[in-house]
Amino acid sequence: MSSWYRPDPLTRDLIHLINARRHDHGDADAAIDTLQALLEQDREQDVLTILAALDEEMAEWLFDLLAEAACSISMGEGPDDKPRYAILGALELPLQADVRTPLHLKIDPLAIADLLREHLHLTPGTVVMVEPRLLTDSTIERLTLQELHQHLAGMTEGQRRQLLAARLHPPMESTAFLLFELLGSPEPGLPDSIEEHSRQALLAGLVAQCPELASAPHMLEAPVFSSYAMFDAQNAVRLHRLADETVEVWRDLDPTVRSRTIVHLHTQCGNGVYMPVWTDLFDPELPDDHGPVWTSPDVWVFTADLPIEWPGEMLTNRLLAEGCTRFENHIVETPDN
C-alpha cells in the first residue's frame, strides 16, 4: 500500500481558507491568523510555493494578506473598546546618483517621527517609531517576512527596540527605504495617499536630515507595508544580479560569436503575481537542435501591487548599457492552474 502524505494542521487550514475564498465566503481575519502562525514557524517558503501555484485572482488575494500578516498585528482593544494595531510601514525614497561609500544614511528618528505624524495625518494617540537610518534595497533584500513579523511582535510586547539590519549594503539602484512603526493605530492599514504640500514638506525634512537623498517629491508615494518594500527590493537586486551574470558570460564569448549572439529575455506567464525570469544566450548560426549557448538560473520576482514594469524592461536597459544590442523578449506560456 502506497504511503499518503497528510498535510500538517496549518497547511490544511490554509487550504481550507483558500477553497472557502474560491466559493466567495473566505475569512480574511482567519487567513491572516493562519499566515502569521506559518511565519512564526519560519515557513515563508511554504507560503510562497502555494502562492506560485494559485490562479491570478487567488494569488493576489493571498499576496495582500501575506503582506498584512507580516506587518500588521492586533494589539487588543484600547480605552475606547476599539481595536488597536501595530503596523510596520515603509516609504520608498530616491537617492542621489553618486552615493558615496561607506554609506551615511543616518536620520534623527524623533524628528522624522514628528514629520510622519504631521504629514501622514495619523490619528492622535498613535505612537510613531522610526528606524534610525535609511535602508538600501540590497540591505532589505536580505530580510525575510518572518524577521519583519518578529520585529513588530517584539515592539508590541514592549521589548527593547533592535535594528532591523546589522549593516548597510551599497544599493543596486538609487533607492532607499524609510521603515517605521505605528503603535496603537485604530486602523490595520496605512494612508493611501499623501497630499502635495505634505509630500513636499516630508521630503524636504528628510533631505535636511540625510543629504544623500535626492530632492524629488514627485517620486514620493504613499507608504506601504514594509513587506512590499522587501519584495520590491528583492526584485531590484535579483534582476540586477541576473543582468550582471548574463553580461559577464556574454563578455567571455569569442568576439566573433559575441557579435552575432542574441540575448533571449524570458518571463514565464504564471499567475501574474510570482513568476520566474531567466536569460538565454543564443547563437543563430548553430543548428536549431543545439539550443542556447548558455542559460541562466531562474530568478523569481513578485509583480502584484509592486512598482515594477514587465521585468524584461530593467534587464533590457542594463544589457543595452553594457553593449548587448541584439536581444529578443520571450513570454513562455503555461497552462492554466
Protein backbone atom coordinates (compact mmCIF):
# COMPACT_ATOMS: atom_id res chain seq x y z
CA MET A 1 0.00 0.00 0.00
CA SER A 2 1.45 3.33 -1.02
CA SER A 3 2.00 5.91 1.70
CA TRP A 4 -0.13 9.04 1.70
CA TYR A 5 1.20 12.38 2.91
CA ARG A 6 -1.17 14.17 5.28
CA PRO A 7 -0.62 17.94 5.39
CA ASP A 8 0.12 19.46 8.78
CA PRO A 9 -2.72 21.36 10.52
CA LEU A 10 -1.59 24.84 9.42
CA THR A 11 -1.29 23.79 5.79
CA ARG A 12 -4.74 22.20 5.96
CA ASP A 13 -6.14 25.40 7.48
CA LEU A 14 -4.65 27.48 4.67
CA ILE A 15 -6.03 25.10 2.02
CA HIS A 16 -9.49 25.28 3.60
CA LEU A 17 -9.34 29.08 3.67
CA ILE A 18 -8.26 29.23 0.00
CA ASN A 19 -11.11 26.91 -1.00
CA ALA A 20 -13.56 29.00 1.02
CA ARG A 21 -12.34 32.13 -0.79
CA ARG A 22 -12.90 30.41 -4.13
CA HIS A 23 -16.53 29.95 -3.11
CA ASP A 24 -16.89 33.60 -2.04
CA HIS A 25 -17.09 33.06 1.69
CA GLY A 26 -13.44 33.43 2.71
CA ASP A 27 -12.48 34.74 6.14
CA ALA A 28 -9.66 37.26 5.75
CA ASP A 29 -9.04 37.53 9.50
CA ALA A 30 -8.71 33.76 9.84
CA ALA A 31 -6.37 33.70 6.85
CA ILE A 32 -4.14 36.37 8.42
CA ASP A 33 -4.03 34.41 11.70
CA THR A 34 -3.00 31.27 9.78
CA LEU A 35 -0.36 33.12 7.76
CA GLN A 36 1.08 34.69 10.91
CA ALA A 37 1.31 31.24 12.51
CA LEU A 38 3.18 29.99 9.43
CA LEU A 39 5.57 32.95 9.54
CA GLU A 40 6.23 32.36 13.22
CA GLN A 41 7.32 28.82 12.29
CA ASP A 42 9.69 30.24 9.61
CA ARG A 43 7.62 28.69 6.80
CA GLU A 44 7.63 31.65 4.44
CA GLN A 45 8.85 29.46 1.56
CA ASP A 46 5.91 27.10 2.02
CA VAL A 47 3.50 30.01 1.60
CA LEU A 48 5.35 31.30 -1.48
CA THR A 49 5.21 27.82 -3.03
CA ILE A 50 1.44 27.76 -2.56
CA LEU A 51 1.21 31.32 -3.86
CA ALA A 52 3.03 30.39 -7.08
CA ALA A 53 0.54 27.56 -7.74
CA LEU A 54 -2.63 29.68 -7.44
CA ASP A 55 -4.51 31.43 -10.22
CA GLU A 56 -4.04 35.19 -10.54
CA GLU A 57 -7.09 36.30 -8.56
CA MET A 58 -6.38 33.94 -5.68
CA ALA A 59 -2.66 34.75 -5.71
CA GLU A 60 -3.31 38.49 -5.46
CA TRP A 61 -5.69 37.88 -2.55
CA LEU A 62 -3.14 35.74 -0.71
CA PHE A 63 -0.26 38.09 -1.56
CA ASP A 64 -2.03 41.07 0.02
CA LEU A 65 -2.96 39.06 3.10
CA LEU A 66 0.61 37.80 3.42
CA ALA A 67 1.92 41.39 3.36
CA GLU A 68 -0.61 42.42 6.01
CA ALA A 69 0.07 39.34 8.14
CA ALA A 70 3.80 40.11 8.26
CA CYS A 71 3.43 43.81 9.03
CA SER A 72 0.20 44.33 10.97
CA ILE A 73 -0.55 42.90 14.41
CA SER A 74 -3.61 43.37 16.64
CA MET A 75 -2.73 44.95 19.99
CA GLY A 76 -6.16 44.30 21.50
CA GLU A 77 -8.70 46.95 22.42
CA GLY A 78 -7.88 50.48 23.51
CA PRO A 79 -9.52 52.62 26.21
CA ASP A 80 -12.50 53.26 23.89
CA ASP A 81 -13.06 49.49 23.44
CA LYS A 82 -11.99 49.76 19.80
CA PRO A 83 -9.22 47.57 18.34
CA ARG A 84 -5.68 48.91 18.10
CA TYR A 85 -2.96 47.73 15.74
CA ALA A 86 0.81 47.79 15.36
CA ILE A 87 1.95 48.40 11.78
CA LEU A 88 5.37 48.22 10.15
CA GLY A 89 5.41 50.67 7.24
CA ALA A 90 7.88 51.93 4.66
CA LEU A 91 8.45 54.90 2.37
CA GLU A 92 10.50 54.46 -0.80
CA LEU A 93 12.89 57.36 -1.38
CA PRO A 94 15.27 58.37 -4.22
CA LEU A 95 19.00 58.59 -3.50
CA GLN A 96 21.50 60.89 -5.18
CA ALA A 97 23.09 59.32 -8.25
CA ASP A 98 26.64 59.49 -6.83
CA VAL A 99 26.15 57.88 -3.42
CA ARG A 100 29.46 57.54 -1.60
CA THR A 101 30.65 54.58 0.41
CA PRO A 102 30.74 53.95 3.26
CA LEU A 103 27.09 54.93 3.36
CA HIS A 104 25.92 57.72 5.67
CA LEU A 105 22.13 57.37 5.81
CA LYS A 106 21.52 58.26 9.44
CA ILE A 107 18.46 60.30 10.41
CA ASP A 108 17.04 61.69 13.66
CA PRO A 109 14.23 59.22 14.44
CA LEU A 110 12.38 61.62 16.75
CA ALA A 111 12.33 64.46 14.22
CA ILE A 112 11.27 62.15 11.40
CA ALA A 113 8.56 60.61 13.61
CA ASP A 114 7.13 64.12 14.12
CA LEU A 115 7.21 64.67 10.34
CA LEU A 116 5.36 61.43 9.69
CA ARG A 117 2.79 62.14 12.38
CA GLU A 118 2.05 65.56 10.86
CA HIS A 119 2.16 64.84 7.15
CA LEU A 120 0.57 61.38 7.10
CA HIS A 121 -2.26 62.82 9.24
CA LEU A 122 -2.07 59.98 11.74
CA THR A 123 -4.74 59.55 14.40
CA PRO A 124 -3.88 61.28 17.69
CA GLY A 125 -2.52 58.80 20.19
CA THR A 126 -0.72 56.72 17.57
CA VAL A 127 2.89 56.20 18.65
CA VAL A 128 5.39 56.59 15.77
CA MET A 129 8.83 55.00 15.92
CA VAL A 130 11.36 55.29 13.10
CA GLU A 131 14.34 53.18 12.08
CA PRO A 132 17.34 55.47 12.86
CA ARG A 133 18.78 55.15 9.35
CA LEU A 134 17.54 54.64 5.83
CA LEU A 135 17.93 51.13 4.43
CA THR A 136 19.02 50.38 0.86
CA ASP A 137 17.35 47.89 -1.43
CA SER A 138 20.31 45.49 -1.18
CA THR A 139 20.05 45.69 2.63
CA ILE A 140 16.30 44.99 2.76
CA GLU A 141 16.75 42.17 0.23
CA ARG A 142 18.39 40.14 2.98
CA LEU A 143 15.37 40.39 5.29
CA THR A 144 12.53 37.87 5.48
CA LEU A 145 8.84 38.15 6.27
CA GLN A 146 9.50 36.25 9.49
CA GLU A 147 12.08 38.84 10.59
CA LEU A 148 9.68 41.71 9.85
CA HIS A 149 6.92 39.95 11.78
CA GLN A 150 9.18 39.14 14.75
CA HIS A 151 10.42 42.73 14.87
CA LEU A 152 6.86 44.08 15.02
CA ALA A 153 5.76 41.44 17.52
CA GLY A 154 8.65 42.39 19.79
CA MET A 155 7.57 46.03 19.66
CA THR A 156 4.01 45.16 20.73
CA GLU A 157 5.38 43.12 23.64
CA GLY A 158 7.44 46.04 24.92
CA GLN A 159 10.81 44.54 24.03
CA ARG A 160 13.80 46.81 23.56
CA ARG A 161 13.97 48.15 20.03
CA GLN A 162 16.50 46.34 17.84
CA LEU A 163 17.87 47.48 14.47
CA LEU A 164 16.24 45.68 11.57
CA ALA A 165 19.57 45.35 9.74
CA ALA A 166 23.02 44.98 11.27
CA ARG A 167 24.82 46.76 8.44
CA LEU A 168 24.09 48.71 5.27
CA HIS A 169 24.97 47.43 1.81
CA PRO A 170 25.53 49.65 -1.26
CA PRO A 171 22.31 49.97 -3.25
CA MET A 172 21.76 48.23 -6.58
CA GLU A 173 19.53 51.10 -7.64
CA SER A 174 19.42 54.68 -6.38
CA THR A 175 16.76 53.76 -3.83
CA ALA A 176 16.49 53.88 -0.05
CA PHE A 177 13.65 53.00 2.31
CA LEU A 178 12.45 54.65 5.49
CA LEU A 179 10.99 51.99 7.80
CA PHE A 180 8.76 52.95 10.71
CA GLU A 181 6.28 51.50 13.23
CA LEU A 182 2.85 52.80 14.14
CA LEU A 183 1.76 51.52 17.55
CA GLY A 184 -1.85 51.86 18.69
CA SER A 185 -3.32 52.78 15.30
CA PRO A 186 -7.12 52.38 15.09
CA GLU A 187 -6.76 51.01 11.54
CA PRO A 188 -4.73 47.96 10.39
CA GLY A 189 -3.60 49.75 7.22
CA LEU A 190 -1.65 52.83 6.11
CA PRO A 191 -2.71 56.10 4.45
CA ASP A 192 -3.38 55.50 0.75
CA SER A 193 -2.25 58.95 -0.41
CA ILE A 194 -0.09 61.95 0.53
CA GLU A 195 -1.23 65.49 -0.26
CA GLU A 196 1.09 67.52 -2.47
CA HIS A 197 2.11 70.05 0.20
CA SER A 198 2.71 67.22 2.66
CA ARG A 199 4.82 65.36 0.11
CA GLN A 200 6.97 68.47 -0.41
CA ALA A 201 7.37 69.11 3.31
CA LEU A 202 8.02 65.47 4.19
CA LEU A 203 10.77 65.04 1.61
CA ALA A 204 12.31 68.44 2.45
CA GLY A 205 12.56 67.35 6.08
CA LEU A 206 14.12 64.04 5.11
CA VAL A 207 16.65 65.65 2.75
CA ALA A 208 17.65 68.07 5.53
CA GLN A 209 18.35 65.05 7.74
CA CYS A 210 20.03 62.95 5.04
CA PRO A 211 21.72 64.90 2.20
CA GLU A 212 22.26 61.62 0.29
CA LEU A 213 18.56 61.77 -0.66
CA ALA A 214 17.56 63.36 -3.96
CA SER A 215 15.05 66.21 -3.78
CA ALA A 216 12.39 64.63 -6.00
CA PRO A 217 8.99 64.90 -4.25
CA HIS A 218 7.16 63.58 -7.32
CA MET A 219 8.80 60.19 -6.61
CA LEU A 220 7.49 60.03 -3.03
CA GLU A 221 4.40 57.85 -2.93
CA ALA A 222 2.04 56.77 -0.15
CA PRO A 223 3.55 54.47 2.48
CA VAL A 224 3.17 50.71 2.17
CA PHE A 225 3.61 47.70 4.43
CA SER A 226 7.33 47.03 4.81
CA SER A 227 6.78 43.61 3.25
CA TYR A 228 6.01 45.31 -0.07
CA ALA A 229 9.26 47.26 0.24
CA MET A 230 11.08 43.99 0.90
CA PHE A 231 9.58 42.33 -2.19
CA ASP A 232 10.35 45.41 -4.30
CA ALA A 233 13.96 45.43 -3.05
CA GLN A 234 14.33 41.72 -3.79
CA ASN A 235 13.11 42.29 -7.35
CA ALA A 236 15.63 45.06 -7.97
CA VAL A 237 18.58 43.12 -6.56
CA ARG A 238 17.70 39.79 -8.19
CA LEU A 239 17.15 41.31 -11.64
CA HIS A 240 20.38 43.32 -11.45
CA ARG A 241 22.30 40.20 -10.46
CA LEU A 242 20.72 38.31 -13.35
CA ALA A 243 21.78 41.07 -15.75
CA ASP A 244 25.32 41.15 -14.29
CA GLU A 245 25.66 37.38 -14.69
CA THR A 246 24.37 37.48 -18.27
CA VAL A 247 26.69 40.35 -19.23
CA GLU A 248 29.69 38.58 -17.69
CA VAL A 249 29.08 35.41 -19.73
CA TRP A 250 28.40 37.47 -22.87
CA ARG A 251 31.75 39.29 -22.47
CA ASP A 252 33.62 35.97 -22.19
CA LEU A 253 32.35 34.72 -25.54
CA ASP A 254 34.65 34.68 -28.55
CA PRO A 255 34.33 38.16 -30.20
CA THR A 256 33.01 36.63 -33.43
CA VAL A 257 30.35 34.62 -31.57
CA ARG A 258 29.54 37.58 -29.33
CA SER A 259 28.86 39.83 -32.32
CA ARG A 260 26.06 37.58 -33.54
CA THR A 261 24.74 36.37 -30.19
CA ILE A 262 21.12 37.15 -29.38
CA VAL A 263 20.10 37.57 -25.75
CA HIS A 264 16.71 35.99 -25.07
CA LEU A 265 14.88 37.51 -22.09
CA HIS A 266 12.34 35.01 -20.79
CA THR A 267 9.42 35.54 -18.47
CA GLN A 268 7.02 32.75 -17.63
CA CYS A 269 3.33 33.50 -17.57
CA GLY A 270 2.41 32.06 -14.23
CA ASN A 271 -0.25 33.61 -12.06
CA GLY A 272 0.80 37.21 -12.68
CA VAL A 273 1.99 37.59 -9.08
CA TYR A 274 5.06 35.42 -8.58
CA MET A 275 6.97 34.21 -11.61
CA PRO A 276 10.42 33.17 -12.84
CA VAL A 277 12.63 35.22 -15.18
CA TRP A 278 15.74 33.93 -16.95
CA THR A 279 18.04 34.64 -19.91
CA ASP A 280 19.48 32.59 -22.77
CA LEU A 281 22.47 33.43 -25.00
CA PHE A 282 21.57 32.13 -28.43
CA ASP A 283 23.87 31.79 -31.47
CA PRO A 284 21.72 31.89 -34.64
CA GLU A 285 24.42 30.09 -36.67
CA LEU A 286 24.20 26.95 -34.56
CA PRO A 287 21.72 24.22 -35.57
CA ASP A 288 18.22 24.56 -34.14
CA ASP A 289 18.62 21.40 -32.07
CA HIS A 290 21.77 22.75 -30.40
CA GLY A 291 19.88 25.02 -28.04
CA PRO A 292 21.27 28.10 -26.32
CA VAL A 293 24.98 28.68 -25.73
CA TRP A 294 24.18 29.43 -22.09
CA THR A 295 21.10 29.62 -19.88
CA SER A 296 20.96 31.50 -16.57
CA PRO A 297 19.34 30.17 -13.42
CA ASP A 298 15.73 31.20 -12.79
CA VAL A 299 15.14 34.37 -10.78
CA TRP A 300 11.77 34.57 -9.03
CA VAL A 301 10.14 38.02 -8.93
CA PHE A 302 6.93 39.42 -7.48
CA THR A 303 4.68 41.56 -9.63
CA ALA A 304 1.43 42.07 -7.68
CA ASP A 305 0.89 45.55 -6.25
CA LEU A 306 4.54 46.50 -6.74
CA PRO A 307 6.01 49.39 -8.75
CA ILE A 308 7.62 47.08 -11.32
CA GLU A 309 7.02 47.05 -15.05
CA TRP A 310 7.46 43.87 -17.06
CA PRO A 311 10.81 42.54 -15.73
CA GLY A 312 12.34 42.46 -19.21
CA GLU A 313 12.46 46.26 -19.26
CA MET A 314 15.01 46.50 -16.46
CA LEU A 315 17.10 43.71 -17.95
CA THR A 316 16.96 45.19 -21.45
CA ASN A 317 18.14 48.61 -20.27
CA ARG A 318 21.01 47.07 -18.30
CA LEU A 319 22.13 44.89 -21.22
CA LEU A 320 21.94 47.78 -23.69
CA ALA A 321 24.12 49.88 -21.39
CA GLU A 322 26.72 47.10 -21.45
CA GLY A 323 26.77 46.84 -25.24
CA CYS A 324 24.34 43.98 -25.86
CA THR A 325 22.34 45.29 -28.81
CA ARG A 326 20.74 42.07 -30.07
CA PHE A 327 18.03 40.68 -27.86
CA GLU A 328 14.54 39.26 -28.01
CA ASN A 329 11.77 39.08 -25.44
CA HIS A 330 10.07 35.74 -24.92
CA ILE A 331 6.96 35.08 -22.86
CA VAL A 332 6.65 31.41 -22.04
CA GLU A 333 3.01 30.39 -21.87
CA THR A 334 1.92 27.86 -19.26
CA PRO A 335 -1.39 26.05 -18.94
CA ASP A 336 -3.95 27.36 -16.50
CA ASN A 337 -3.61 26.04 -12.98
